[in-house]
Amino acid sequence: MIAPVVGPVRPRPGCRPAAELKFPNARQRLLVGRLALRQAKSVPILDDIKAYLERQQPNVLPKSPEGQAISYALSNWEGLVRYCEDGDLEIDNNGAERSLRGVAVGRKNWLLFGSDKGARTAAILTSFITTCKRLHMDPLAYLRDVFQRISAHPARRLEELLLDKWKTAQNATQNLPARSPRSQKPCQTPYVFTGRLRFCRKAGGLGEG
């Protein structure tokens, strides 16, 4: 038997894989600057970790806890380092995990969707409302504006109607400063999907559409 020799992964002195989080106002930087920061700080450390795992992999049993951990890390390496290729990507999926809490809490209320098409519709609407909350947007105002001009909007410019692009355009029209989603206060009058493609304001409990 080959004795496992895997020890703790030691980053370079003074560096951490999430070193970018130590920089003040990192989320307000331009995406190009954010990407350059990741390339300079995160990529060298990730390369060291990968090289270390590849050196240790032949020294451990494949079915041992250490061997399985190394194999799992290396097999998912492309996804792990993906955030270093695009400054618009988050370093983790905490935001997505938080957005799913509401679904987990209320899943007994919508356990059965009736059909695959119904489940797909519910997933789209849930994603839409969650994104509106994150961007501090009024979903009804967005839908009203988009429905009024979608027929005359050029197909090659449909990207302008994405939620974040639409909000940026609205802020520019109203001369409002753009704010980071994490710096915004929770929406005080969120909207709730009623199941009939209508939205109503939430007053105390769930509204009725």
N, C-alpha and C. Protein backbone atom coordinates (compact mmCIF):
# COMPACT_ATOMS: atom_id res chain seq x y z
N MET A 1 0.84 -1.20 0.00
CA MET A 1 0.00 0.00 0.00
C MET A 1 0.87 1.25 0.00
N ILE A 2 0.37 2.27 -0.65
CA ILE A 2 1.09 3.54 -0.69
C ILE A 2 0.49 4.44 0.37
N ALA A 3 1.32 4.89 1.27
CA ALA A 3 0.84 5.75 2.35
C ALA A 3 0.51 7.13 1.80
N PRO A 4 -0.62 7.67 2.16
CA PRO A 4 -0.95 9.02 1.68
C PRO A 4 0.00 10.04 2.26
N VAL A 5 0.40 10.97 1.43
CA VAL A 5 1.34 12.00 1.87
C VAL A 5 0.74 13.40 1.71
N VAL A 6 -0.57 13.42 1.48
CA VAL A 6 -1.20 14.71 1.24
C VAL A 6 -1.21 15.53 2.52
N GLY A 7 -0.77 16.72 2.43
CA GLY A 7 -0.78 17.65 3.56
C GLY A 7 -1.62 18.85 3.22
N PRO A 8 -1.70 19.80 4.11
CA PRO A 8 -2.49 21.00 3.83
C PRO A 8 -1.89 21.80 2.69
N VAL A 9 -2.76 22.37 1.89
CA VAL A 9 -2.31 23.23 0.79
C VAL A 9 -1.94 24.58 1.39
N ARG A 10 -0.71 24.98 1.18
CA ARG A 10 -0.23 26.23 1.77
C ARG A 10 -0.08 27.28 0.68
N PRO A 11 -0.88 28.34 0.73
CA PRO A 11 -0.73 29.39 -0.27
C PRO A 11 0.55 30.17 -0.05
N ARG A 12 0.91 30.95 -1.01
CA ARG A 12 2.09 31.77 -0.90
C ARG A 12 1.95 32.73 0.27
N PRO A 13 3.05 33.07 0.92
CA PRO A 13 2.98 33.99 2.05
C PRO A 13 2.34 35.31 1.66
N GLY A 14 1.38 35.74 2.47
CA GLY A 14 0.72 37.01 2.23
C GLY A 14 -0.37 36.99 1.19
N CYS A 15 -0.66 35.82 0.61
CA CYS A 15 -1.68 35.72 -0.44
C CYS A 15 -2.77 34.76 -0.03
N ARG A 16 -3.96 34.98 -0.57
CA ARG A 16 -5.08 34.08 -0.36
C ARG A 16 -5.81 33.92 -1.69
N PRO A 17 -6.42 32.76 -1.90
CA PRO A 17 -7.14 32.58 -3.16
C PRO A 17 -8.20 33.66 -3.40
N ALA A 18 -8.77 34.17 -2.33
CA ALA A 18 -9.79 35.22 -2.47
C ALA A 18 -9.18 36.58 -2.14
N ALA A 19 -7.95 36.80 -2.58
CA ALA A 19 -7.26 38.04 -2.23
C ALA A 19 -8.00 39.26 -2.76
N GLU A 20 -8.75 39.07 -3.86
CA GLU A 20 -9.46 40.21 -4.43
C GLU A 20 -10.47 40.81 -3.46
N LEU A 21 -10.99 39.96 -2.54
CA LEU A 21 -12.00 40.45 -1.61
C LEU A 21 -11.41 41.41 -0.59
N LYS A 22 -10.08 41.45 -0.49
CA LYS A 22 -9.43 42.33 0.47
C LYS A 22 -9.31 43.75 -0.05
N PHE A 23 -9.54 43.95 -1.33
CA PHE A 23 -9.39 45.27 -1.92
C PHE A 23 -10.69 46.05 -1.72
N PRO A 24 -10.61 47.26 -1.19
CA PRO A 24 -11.82 48.05 -0.98
C PRO A 24 -12.50 48.41 -2.30
N ASN A 25 -13.83 48.38 -2.27
CA ASN A 25 -14.64 48.76 -3.43
C ASN A 25 -14.34 47.92 -4.67
N ALA A 26 -13.93 46.66 -4.47
CA ALA A 26 -13.62 45.80 -5.62
C ALA A 26 -14.83 45.60 -6.51
N ARG A 27 -16.02 45.53 -5.91
CA ARG A 27 -17.22 45.27 -6.71
C ARG A 27 -17.64 46.49 -7.51
N GLN A 28 -17.11 47.66 -7.20
CA GLN A 28 -17.43 48.85 -7.96
C GLN A 28 -16.43 49.10 -9.08
N ARG A 29 -15.40 48.30 -9.15
CA ARG A 29 -14.41 48.48 -10.21
C ARG A 29 -15.01 48.07 -11.56
N LEU A 30 -14.42 48.57 -12.60
CA LEU A 30 -14.83 48.13 -13.92
C LEU A 30 -14.50 46.66 -14.08
N LEU A 31 -15.29 45.97 -14.88
CA LEU A 31 -15.10 44.53 -15.06
C LEU A 31 -13.71 44.22 -15.60
N VAL A 32 -13.17 45.11 -16.39
CA VAL A 32 -11.82 44.87 -16.91
C VAL A 32 -10.81 44.89 -15.78
N GLY A 33 -10.97 45.83 -14.86
CA GLY A 33 -10.06 45.89 -13.72
C GLY A 33 -10.23 44.69 -12.80
N ARG A 34 -11.46 44.24 -12.67
CA ARG A 34 -11.72 43.07 -11.82
C ARG A 34 -11.07 41.83 -12.40
N LEU A 35 -11.18 41.69 -13.72
CA LEU A 35 -10.55 40.56 -14.39
C LEU A 35 -9.03 40.61 -14.25
N ALA A 36 -8.46 41.80 -14.42
CA ALA A 36 -7.00 41.93 -14.29
C ALA A 36 -6.55 41.60 -12.88
N LEU A 37 -7.35 41.96 -11.90
CA LEU A 37 -7.02 41.66 -10.51
C LEU A 37 -7.02 40.16 -10.26
N ARG A 38 -8.00 39.47 -10.82
CA ARG A 38 -8.06 38.01 -10.66
C ARG A 38 -6.89 37.34 -11.37
N GLN A 39 -6.58 37.84 -12.57
CA GLN A 39 -5.46 37.26 -13.30
C GLN A 39 -4.15 37.43 -12.53
N ALA A 40 -4.00 38.55 -11.88
CA ALA A 40 -2.74 38.83 -11.17
C ALA A 40 -2.66 38.13 -9.82
N LYS A 41 -3.79 38.01 -9.12
CA LYS A 41 -3.76 37.50 -7.74
C LYS A 41 -4.22 36.04 -7.62
N SER A 42 -5.27 35.69 -8.33
CA SER A 42 -5.86 34.36 -8.14
C SER A 42 -5.22 33.28 -9.01
N VAL A 43 -4.97 33.63 -10.27
CA VAL A 43 -4.46 32.61 -11.21
C VAL A 43 -3.16 31.97 -10.74
N PRO A 44 -2.14 32.74 -10.30
CA PRO A 44 -0.90 32.09 -9.85
C PRO A 44 -1.12 31.12 -8.69
N ILE A 45 -2.00 31.48 -7.77
CA ILE A 45 -2.26 30.61 -6.62
C ILE A 45 -3.01 29.35 -7.05
N LEU A 46 -3.98 29.52 -7.93
CA LEU A 46 -4.71 28.37 -8.43
C LEU A 46 -3.80 27.43 -9.22
N ASP A 47 -2.88 28.00 -9.98
CA ASP A 47 -1.92 27.17 -10.72
C ASP A 47 -1.05 26.36 -9.75
N ASP A 48 -0.63 26.98 -8.66
CA ASP A 48 0.18 26.27 -7.66
C ASP A 48 -0.61 25.13 -7.02
N ILE A 49 -1.89 25.40 -6.73
CA ILE A 49 -2.72 24.36 -6.11
C ILE A 49 -2.91 23.19 -7.07
N LYS A 50 -3.16 23.48 -8.34
CA LYS A 50 -3.35 22.41 -9.31
C LYS A 50 -2.08 21.59 -9.47
N ALA A 51 -0.93 22.27 -9.55
CA ALA A 51 0.34 21.54 -9.68
C ALA A 51 0.58 20.66 -8.47
N TYR A 52 0.24 21.16 -7.29
CA TYR A 52 0.42 20.39 -6.05
C TYR A 52 -0.46 19.13 -6.06
N LEU A 53 -1.73 19.30 -6.47
CA LEU A 53 -2.64 18.16 -6.52
C LEU A 53 -2.17 17.11 -7.54
N GLU A 54 -1.69 17.58 -8.67
CA GLU A 54 -1.21 16.64 -9.68
C GLU A 54 0.04 15.90 -9.22
N ARG A 55 0.89 16.56 -8.43
CA ARG A 55 2.07 15.88 -7.90
C ARG A 55 1.69 14.84 -6.86
N GLN A 56 0.66 15.10 -6.08
CA GLN A 56 0.28 14.22 -4.99
C GLN A 56 -0.62 13.07 -5.45
N GLN A 57 -1.31 13.24 -6.57
CA GLN A 57 -2.28 12.24 -7.01
C GLN A 57 -1.66 10.84 -7.17
N PRO A 58 -0.44 10.69 -7.74
CA PRO A 58 0.13 9.34 -7.86
C PRO A 58 0.54 8.72 -6.53
N ASN A 59 0.60 9.51 -5.48
CA ASN A 59 1.09 9.02 -4.18
C ASN A 59 -0.01 8.57 -3.24
N VAL A 60 -1.24 8.63 -3.69
CA VAL A 60 -2.36 8.24 -2.81
C VAL A 60 -3.19 7.18 -3.51
N LEU A 61 -3.91 6.40 -2.73
CA LEU A 61 -4.80 5.40 -3.28
C LEU A 61 -6.02 6.08 -3.91
N PRO A 62 -6.42 5.67 -5.10
CA PRO A 62 -7.56 6.32 -5.76
C PRO A 62 -8.84 6.31 -4.95
N LYS A 63 -9.07 5.21 -4.17
CA LYS A 63 -10.31 5.10 -3.41
C LYS A 63 -10.19 5.67 -2.00
N SER A 64 -9.02 6.16 -1.63
CA SER A 64 -8.86 6.75 -0.30
C SER A 64 -9.54 8.12 -0.27
N PRO A 65 -9.87 8.62 0.93
CA PRO A 65 -10.48 9.97 1.00
C PRO A 65 -9.64 11.03 0.31
N GLU A 66 -8.31 10.94 0.47
CA GLU A 66 -7.44 11.93 -0.15
C GLU A 66 -7.47 11.80 -1.67
N GLY A 67 -7.42 10.54 -2.14
CA GLY A 67 -7.45 10.32 -3.59
C GLY A 67 -8.75 10.77 -4.22
N GLN A 68 -9.87 10.50 -3.55
CA GLN A 68 -11.16 10.92 -4.08
C GLN A 68 -11.28 12.44 -4.09
N ALA A 69 -10.75 13.08 -3.04
CA ALA A 69 -10.81 14.54 -2.98
C ALA A 69 -9.98 15.16 -4.10
N ILE A 70 -8.80 14.62 -4.36
CA ILE A 70 -7.95 15.15 -5.42
C ILE A 70 -8.60 14.94 -6.78
N SER A 71 -9.14 13.74 -7.01
CA SER A 71 -9.79 13.45 -8.29
C SER A 71 -10.99 14.37 -8.51
N TYR A 72 -11.75 14.59 -7.46
CA TYR A 72 -12.93 15.47 -7.58
C TYR A 72 -12.50 16.89 -7.92
N ALA A 73 -11.48 17.39 -7.25
CA ALA A 73 -11.01 18.76 -7.49
C ALA A 73 -10.50 18.92 -8.92
N LEU A 74 -9.71 17.97 -9.38
CA LEU A 74 -9.13 18.07 -10.72
C LEU A 74 -10.19 17.90 -11.81
N SER A 75 -11.17 17.04 -11.57
CA SER A 75 -12.21 16.82 -12.58
C SER A 75 -13.13 18.03 -12.72
N ASN A 76 -13.19 18.86 -11.68
CA ASN A 76 -14.03 20.07 -11.72
C ASN A 76 -13.20 21.33 -11.84
N TRP A 77 -11.96 21.18 -12.24
CA TRP A 77 -11.05 22.34 -12.25
C TRP A 77 -11.49 23.42 -13.22
N GLU A 78 -12.00 23.02 -14.37
CA GLU A 78 -12.43 24.01 -15.37
C GLU A 78 -13.50 24.94 -14.80
N GLY A 79 -14.45 24.36 -14.09
CA GLY A 79 -15.48 25.19 -13.47
C GLY A 79 -14.96 26.02 -12.32
N LEU A 80 -13.98 25.50 -11.60
CA LEU A 80 -13.42 26.21 -10.45
C LEU A 80 -12.73 27.50 -10.86
N VAL A 81 -12.01 27.45 -11.98
CA VAL A 81 -11.22 28.62 -12.40
C VAL A 81 -11.95 29.48 -13.41
N ARG A 82 -13.20 29.14 -13.72
CA ARG A 82 -13.93 29.89 -14.74
C ARG A 82 -14.05 31.36 -14.38
N TYR A 83 -14.16 31.69 -13.12
CA TYR A 83 -14.34 33.08 -12.72
C TYR A 83 -13.12 33.93 -13.04
N CYS A 84 -11.99 33.29 -13.27
CA CYS A 84 -10.76 34.03 -13.61
C CYS A 84 -10.73 34.42 -15.08
N GLU A 85 -11.70 33.97 -15.86
CA GLU A 85 -11.74 34.28 -17.28
C GLU A 85 -12.75 35.36 -17.62
N ASP A 86 -13.56 35.75 -16.64
CA ASP A 86 -14.61 36.74 -16.90
C ASP A 86 -14.84 37.55 -15.64
N GLY A 87 -14.60 38.84 -15.71
CA GLY A 87 -14.77 39.69 -14.54
C GLY A 87 -16.21 39.86 -14.11
N ASP A 88 -17.15 39.46 -14.95
CA ASP A 88 -18.56 39.60 -14.60
C ASP A 88 -19.08 38.44 -13.78
N LEU A 89 -18.30 37.37 -13.66
CA LEU A 89 -18.72 36.20 -12.90
C LEU A 89 -18.35 36.36 -11.43
N GLU A 90 -19.23 35.86 -10.56
CA GLU A 90 -18.94 35.88 -9.13
C GLU A 90 -17.94 34.78 -8.78
N ILE A 91 -17.24 34.98 -7.69
CA ILE A 91 -16.25 33.99 -7.27
C ILE A 91 -16.91 32.78 -6.62
N ASP A 92 -18.16 32.91 -6.23
CA ASP A 92 -18.89 31.80 -5.63
C ASP A 92 -20.35 31.87 -6.07
N ASN A 93 -21.15 30.92 -5.62
CA ASN A 93 -22.57 30.89 -5.99
C ASN A 93 -23.46 31.22 -4.80
N ASN A 94 -22.95 32.01 -3.86
CA ASN A 94 -23.72 32.36 -2.67
C ASN A 94 -25.02 33.09 -3.04
N GLY A 95 -24.94 33.95 -4.05
CA GLY A 95 -26.15 34.67 -4.45
C GLY A 95 -27.24 33.73 -4.93
N ALA A 96 -26.85 32.74 -5.73
CA ALA A 96 -27.83 31.76 -6.20
C ALA A 96 -28.39 30.93 -5.05
N GLU A 97 -27.53 30.57 -4.10
CA GLU A 97 -27.99 29.80 -2.95
C GLU A 97 -29.00 30.59 -2.13
N ARG A 98 -28.73 31.87 -1.93
CA ARG A 98 -29.67 32.71 -1.17
C ARG A 98 -31.01 32.83 -1.90
N SER A 99 -30.95 32.96 -3.22
CA SER A 99 -32.19 33.13 -3.97
C SER A 99 -33.07 31.88 -3.93
N LEU A 100 -32.47 30.72 -3.65
CA LEU A 100 -33.23 29.48 -3.60
C LEU A 100 -33.90 29.25 -2.25
N ARG A 101 -33.56 30.04 -1.25
CA ARG A 101 -34.13 29.82 0.07
C ARG A 101 -35.65 29.97 0.05
N GLY A 102 -36.12 30.99 -0.69
CA GLY A 102 -37.56 31.18 -0.76
C GLY A 102 -38.27 30.00 -1.39
N VAL A 103 -37.64 29.41 -2.40
CA VAL A 103 -38.21 28.23 -3.05
C VAL A 103 -38.25 27.06 -2.07
N ALA A 104 -37.17 26.89 -1.30
CA ALA A 104 -37.12 25.78 -0.34
C ALA A 104 -38.16 25.94 0.76
N VAL A 105 -38.35 27.18 1.22
CA VAL A 105 -39.32 27.42 2.29
C VAL A 105 -40.75 27.16 1.81
N GLY A 106 -41.05 27.53 0.57
CA GLY A 106 -42.43 27.40 0.11
C GLY A 106 -42.69 26.24 -0.81
N ARG A 107 -41.74 25.28 -0.90
CA ARG A 107 -41.91 24.23 -1.89
C ARG A 107 -43.17 23.38 -1.66
N LYS A 108 -43.65 23.30 -0.43
CA LYS A 108 -44.87 22.52 -0.19
C LYS A 108 -46.08 23.20 -0.82
N ASN A 109 -45.99 24.52 -1.01
CA ASN A 109 -47.11 25.24 -1.61
C ASN A 109 -47.18 25.04 -3.12
N TRP A 110 -46.04 24.73 -3.73
CA TRP A 110 -46.04 24.51 -5.18
C TRP A 110 -45.28 23.22 -5.51
N LEU A 111 -45.58 22.18 -4.76
CA LEU A 111 -44.92 20.90 -4.96
C LEU A 111 -45.19 20.32 -6.34
N LEU A 112 -46.43 20.48 -6.82
CA LEU A 112 -46.82 19.93 -8.12
C LEU A 112 -47.14 21.07 -9.07
N PHE A 113 -46.50 21.08 -10.24
CA PHE A 113 -46.72 22.13 -11.24
C PHE A 113 -47.73 21.72 -12.30
N GLY A 114 -48.10 20.46 -12.30
CA GLY A 114 -49.08 20.01 -13.27
C GLY A 114 -48.51 19.44 -14.54
N SER A 115 -47.37 20.01 -15.00
CA SER A 115 -46.75 19.53 -16.23
C SER A 115 -45.33 20.05 -16.31
N ASP A 116 -44.55 19.50 -17.22
CA ASP A 116 -43.19 19.98 -17.44
C ASP A 116 -43.21 21.44 -17.89
N LYS A 117 -44.17 21.79 -18.72
CA LYS A 117 -44.28 23.17 -19.20
C LYS A 117 -44.59 24.12 -18.04
N GLY A 118 -45.45 23.68 -17.12
CA GLY A 118 -45.75 24.51 -15.97
C GLY A 118 -44.53 24.72 -15.08
N ALA A 119 -43.72 23.68 -14.91
CA ALA A 119 -42.52 23.80 -14.10
C ALA A 119 -41.53 24.75 -14.76
N ARG A 120 -41.41 24.68 -16.07
CA ARG A 120 -40.50 25.59 -16.78
C ARG A 120 -40.96 27.04 -16.64
N THR A 121 -42.27 27.25 -16.76
CA THR A 121 -42.80 28.60 -16.60
C THR A 121 -42.52 29.13 -15.19
N ALA A 122 -42.74 28.28 -14.19
CA ALA A 122 -42.48 28.70 -12.80
C ALA A 122 -41.01 29.03 -12.59
N ALA A 123 -40.12 28.25 -13.20
CA ALA A 123 -38.68 28.51 -13.06
C ALA A 123 -38.31 29.84 -13.69
N ILE A 124 -38.88 30.14 -14.85
CA ILE A 124 -38.58 31.41 -15.53
C ILE A 124 -39.08 32.59 -14.70
N LEU A 125 -40.30 32.49 -14.20
CA LEU A 125 -40.87 33.59 -13.42
C LEU A 125 -40.13 33.77 -12.09
N THR A 126 -39.73 32.66 -11.46
CA THR A 126 -38.96 32.76 -10.22
C THR A 126 -37.63 33.44 -10.46
N SER A 127 -36.96 33.08 -11.54
CA SER A 127 -35.69 33.72 -11.87
C SER A 127 -35.88 35.20 -12.16
N PHE A 128 -36.97 35.52 -12.85
CA PHE A 128 -37.25 36.91 -13.18
C PHE A 128 -37.47 37.75 -11.93
N ILE A 129 -38.33 37.28 -11.03
CA ILE A 129 -38.62 38.03 -9.81
C ILE A 129 -37.39 38.14 -8.92
N THR A 130 -36.61 37.06 -8.81
CA THR A 130 -35.41 37.10 -7.98
C THR A 130 -34.41 38.10 -8.52
N THR A 131 -34.25 38.15 -9.84
CA THR A 131 -33.33 39.12 -10.44
C THR A 131 -33.82 40.54 -10.20
N CYS A 132 -35.12 40.77 -10.29
CA CYS A 132 -35.67 42.10 -10.01
C CYS A 132 -35.38 42.51 -8.57
N LYS A 133 -35.52 41.59 -7.65
CA LYS A 133 -35.22 41.90 -6.25
C LYS A 133 -33.74 42.25 -6.08
N ARG A 134 -32.89 41.47 -6.73
CA ARG A 134 -31.45 41.70 -6.60
C ARG A 134 -31.05 43.07 -7.16
N LEU A 135 -31.69 43.47 -8.26
CA LEU A 135 -31.38 44.75 -8.89
C LEU A 135 -32.22 45.90 -8.35
N HIS A 136 -33.08 45.59 -7.37
CA HIS A 136 -33.95 46.60 -6.77
C HIS A 136 -34.84 47.25 -7.84
N MET A 137 -35.49 46.42 -8.61
CA MET A 137 -36.33 46.88 -9.71
C MET A 137 -37.80 46.57 -9.45
N ASP A 138 -38.66 47.35 -10.06
CA ASP A 138 -40.09 47.10 -10.04
C ASP A 138 -40.42 46.22 -11.24
N PRO A 139 -40.76 44.95 -11.05
CA PRO A 139 -41.00 44.07 -12.20
C PRO A 139 -42.18 44.51 -13.06
N LEU A 140 -43.19 45.11 -12.43
CA LEU A 140 -44.35 45.55 -13.20
C LEU A 140 -43.98 46.71 -14.12
N ALA A 141 -43.15 47.63 -13.63
CA ALA A 141 -42.71 48.75 -14.47
C ALA A 141 -41.87 48.25 -15.63
N TYR A 142 -41.03 47.27 -15.37
CA TYR A 142 -40.20 46.70 -16.43
C TYR A 142 -41.06 46.04 -17.50
N LEU A 143 -42.00 45.18 -17.09
CA LEU A 143 -42.85 44.48 -18.04
C LEU A 143 -43.71 45.46 -18.84
N ARG A 144 -44.23 46.48 -18.16
CA ARG A 144 -45.07 47.46 -18.86
C ARG A 144 -44.27 48.17 -19.96
N ASP A 145 -43.05 48.57 -19.63
CA ASP A 145 -42.22 49.29 -20.60
C ASP A 145 -41.82 48.38 -21.76
N VAL A 146 -41.41 47.15 -21.45
CA VAL A 146 -40.96 46.23 -22.49
C VAL A 146 -42.10 45.84 -23.41
N PHE A 147 -43.27 45.55 -22.85
CA PHE A 147 -44.41 45.14 -23.67
C PHE A 147 -44.87 46.26 -24.60
N GLN A 148 -44.67 47.51 -24.17
CA GLN A 148 -45.12 48.64 -24.98
C GLN A 148 -44.23 48.88 -26.20
N ARG A 149 -42.95 48.49 -26.12
CA ARG A 149 -42.06 48.79 -27.24
C ARG A 149 -41.36 47.57 -27.84
N ILE A 150 -41.69 46.37 -27.40
CA ILE A 150 -41.01 45.19 -27.90
C ILE A 150 -41.29 44.97 -29.38
N SER A 151 -42.49 45.29 -29.84
CA SER A 151 -42.84 45.03 -31.24
C SER A 151 -42.03 45.88 -32.21
N ALA A 152 -41.60 47.08 -31.77
CA ALA A 152 -40.84 47.97 -32.64
C ALA A 152 -39.35 47.95 -32.33
N HIS A 153 -38.94 47.13 -31.36
CA HIS A 153 -37.53 47.11 -30.97
C HIS A 153 -36.74 46.23 -31.94
N PRO A 154 -35.60 46.71 -32.44
CA PRO A 154 -34.81 45.90 -33.39
C PRO A 154 -34.36 44.58 -32.78
N ALA A 155 -34.50 43.52 -33.55
CA ALA A 155 -34.15 42.19 -33.04
C ALA A 155 -32.66 42.10 -32.70
N ARG A 156 -31.83 42.83 -33.43
CA ARG A 156 -30.39 42.76 -33.17
C ARG A 156 -29.99 43.48 -31.88
N ARG A 157 -30.96 44.19 -31.27
CA ARG A 157 -30.67 44.93 -30.03
C ARG A 157 -31.51 44.43 -28.86
N LEU A 158 -31.92 43.16 -28.92
CA LEU A 158 -32.73 42.61 -27.84
C LEU A 158 -31.98 42.58 -26.52
N GLU A 159 -30.66 42.53 -26.58
CA GLU A 159 -29.86 42.51 -25.35
C GLU A 159 -30.11 43.75 -24.50
N GLU A 160 -30.52 44.84 -25.13
CA GLU A 160 -30.80 46.07 -24.40
C GLU A 160 -31.98 45.91 -23.45
N LEU A 161 -32.80 44.89 -23.66
CA LEU A 161 -33.98 44.68 -22.83
C LEU A 161 -33.72 43.72 -21.67
N LEU A 162 -32.49 43.24 -21.55
CA LEU A 162 -32.16 42.44 -20.37
C LEU A 162 -32.31 43.30 -19.12
N LEU A 163 -32.59 42.66 -18.00
CA LEU A 163 -32.92 43.41 -16.79
C LEU A 163 -31.84 44.41 -16.40
N ASP A 164 -30.58 43.97 -16.36
CA ASP A 164 -29.52 44.88 -15.93
C ASP A 164 -29.29 46.00 -16.94
N LYS A 165 -29.39 45.68 -18.24
CA LYS A 165 -29.22 46.71 -19.26
C LYS A 165 -30.36 47.72 -19.20
N TRP A 166 -31.56 47.21 -18.99
CA TRP A 166 -32.73 48.09 -18.92
C TRP A 166 -32.61 49.05 -17.74
N LYS A 167 -32.17 48.52 -16.59
CA LYS A 167 -32.04 49.38 -15.42
C LYS A 167 -30.99 50.45 -15.63
N THR A 168 -29.86 50.08 -16.25
CA THR A 168 -28.82 51.06 -16.52
C THR A 168 -29.34 52.18 -17.42
N ALA A 169 -30.11 51.81 -18.43
CA ALA A 169 -30.68 52.81 -19.33
C ALA A 169 -31.67 53.71 -18.60
N GLN A 170 -32.49 53.12 -17.72
CA GLN A 170 -33.45 53.91 -16.95
C GLN A 170 -32.74 54.89 -16.02
N ASN A 171 -31.67 54.42 -15.37
CA ASN A 171 -30.91 55.30 -14.49
C ASN A 171 -30.28 56.45 -15.25
N ALA A 172 -29.79 56.15 -16.47
CA ALA A 172 -29.18 57.20 -17.28
C ALA A 172 -30.23 58.22 -17.70
N THR A 173 -31.43 57.74 -18.04
CA THR A 173 -32.51 58.65 -18.44
C THR A 173 -32.93 59.56 -17.30
N GLN A 174 -32.95 59.02 -16.09
CA GLN A 174 -33.38 59.78 -14.91
C GLN A 174 -32.21 60.42 -14.18
N ASN A 175 -30.99 60.25 -14.74
CA ASN A 175 -29.78 60.81 -14.13
C ASN A 175 -29.57 60.30 -12.71
N LEU A 176 -29.85 59.01 -12.51
CA LEU A 176 -29.66 58.39 -11.20
C LEU A 176 -28.35 57.63 -11.19
N PRO A 177 -27.58 57.69 -10.08
CA PRO A 177 -26.34 56.92 -10.01
C PRO A 177 -26.63 55.44 -9.91
N ALA A 178 -25.87 54.64 -10.64
CA ALA A 178 -26.03 53.18 -10.57
C ALA A 178 -25.47 52.68 -9.26
N ARG A 179 -26.19 51.74 -8.63
CA ARG A 179 -25.75 51.18 -7.36
C ARG A 179 -25.50 49.70 -7.48
N SER A 180 -24.53 49.23 -6.72
CA SER A 180 -24.24 47.80 -6.70
C SER A 180 -25.39 47.07 -6.05
N PRO A 181 -25.81 45.89 -6.58
CA PRO A 181 -26.94 45.16 -5.97
C PRO A 181 -26.75 44.89 -4.49
N ARG A 182 -25.51 44.63 -4.04
CA ARG A 182 -25.30 44.31 -2.63
C ARG A 182 -25.35 45.55 -1.74
N SER A 183 -25.26 46.75 -2.37
CA SER A 183 -25.31 47.97 -1.58
C SER A 183 -26.72 48.50 -1.43
N GLN A 184 -27.67 47.88 -2.10
CA GLN A 184 -29.03 48.35 -2.08
C GLN A 184 -29.80 47.76 -0.91
N LYS A 185 -30.76 48.53 -0.44
CA LYS A 185 -31.62 48.04 0.61
C LYS A 185 -32.67 47.11 0.00
N PRO A 186 -33.17 46.15 0.78
CA PRO A 186 -34.20 45.25 0.25
C PRO A 186 -35.41 46.03 -0.22
N CYS A 187 -36.03 45.55 -1.27
CA CYS A 187 -37.21 46.20 -1.80
C CYS A 187 -38.32 46.20 -0.74
N GLN A 188 -38.91 47.37 -0.50
CA GLN A 188 -39.92 47.48 0.54
C GLN A 188 -41.30 47.05 0.05
N THR A 189 -41.51 47.05 -1.28
CA THR A 189 -42.81 46.65 -1.82
C THR A 189 -42.59 45.63 -2.93
N PRO A 190 -42.07 44.46 -2.57
CA PRO A 190 -41.83 43.45 -3.61
C PRO A 190 -43.12 42.94 -4.21
N TYR A 191 -43.01 42.39 -5.40
CA TYR A 191 -44.17 41.83 -6.08
C TYR A 191 -44.13 40.32 -5.96
N VAL A 192 -45.28 39.73 -5.99
CA VAL A 192 -45.42 38.29 -5.84
C VAL A 192 -46.15 37.73 -7.05
N PHE A 193 -45.61 36.67 -7.63
CA PHE A 193 -46.29 36.01 -8.74
C PHE A 193 -47.47 35.21 -8.21
N THR A 194 -48.63 35.44 -8.78
CA THR A 194 -49.84 34.83 -8.25
C THR A 194 -50.21 33.53 -8.95
N GLY A 195 -49.46 33.16 -9.99
CA GLY A 195 -49.79 31.93 -10.70
C GLY A 195 -50.68 32.15 -11.90
N ARG A 196 -51.08 33.41 -12.16
CA ARG A 196 -51.96 33.70 -13.29
C ARG A 196 -51.35 34.77 -14.19
N LEU A 197 -50.01 34.80 -14.23
CA LEU A 197 -49.29 35.78 -15.03
C LEU A 197 -49.65 37.20 -14.65
N ARG A 198 -50.03 37.39 -13.41
CA ARG A 198 -50.29 38.73 -12.88
C ARG A 198 -49.48 38.91 -11.61
N PHE A 199 -49.16 40.13 -11.32
CA PHE A 199 -48.34 40.43 -10.15
C PHE A 199 -49.11 41.39 -9.25
N CYS A 200 -48.93 41.22 -7.96
CA CYS A 200 -49.59 42.10 -7.01
C CYS A 200 -48.59 42.47 -5.93
N ARG A 201 -48.81 43.61 -5.31
CA ARG A 201 -47.92 44.05 -4.25
C ARG A 201 -48.11 43.19 -3.01
N LYS A 202 -47.01 43.04 -2.28
CA LYS A 202 -47.03 42.23 -1.06
C LYS A 202 -47.33 43.14 0.12
N ALA A 203 -48.47 42.98 0.75
CA ALA A 203 -48.86 43.82 1.88
C ALA A 203 -49.12 42.91 3.08
N GLY A 204 -48.13 42.78 3.92
CA GLY A 204 -48.26 41.88 5.05
C GLY A 204 -48.04 40.46 4.63
N GLY A 205 -49.04 39.81 4.11
CA GLY A 205 -48.92 38.43 3.62
C GLY A 205 -48.88 38.44 2.10
N LEU A 206 -49.05 37.29 1.51
CA LEU A 206 -49.07 37.19 0.06
C LEU A 206 -50.33 37.86 -0.49
N GLY A 207 -50.12 38.60 -1.57
CA GLY A 207 -51.26 39.26 -2.19
C GLY A 207 -52.06 38.28 -3.02
N GLU A 208 -53.18 38.73 -3.45
CA GLU A 208 -54.04 37.90 -4.29
C GLU A 208 -54.20 38.58 -5.64
N GLY A 209 -53.96 37.78 -6.70
CA GLY A 209 -54.08 38.35 -8.06
C GLY A 209 -55.44 38.02 -8.64
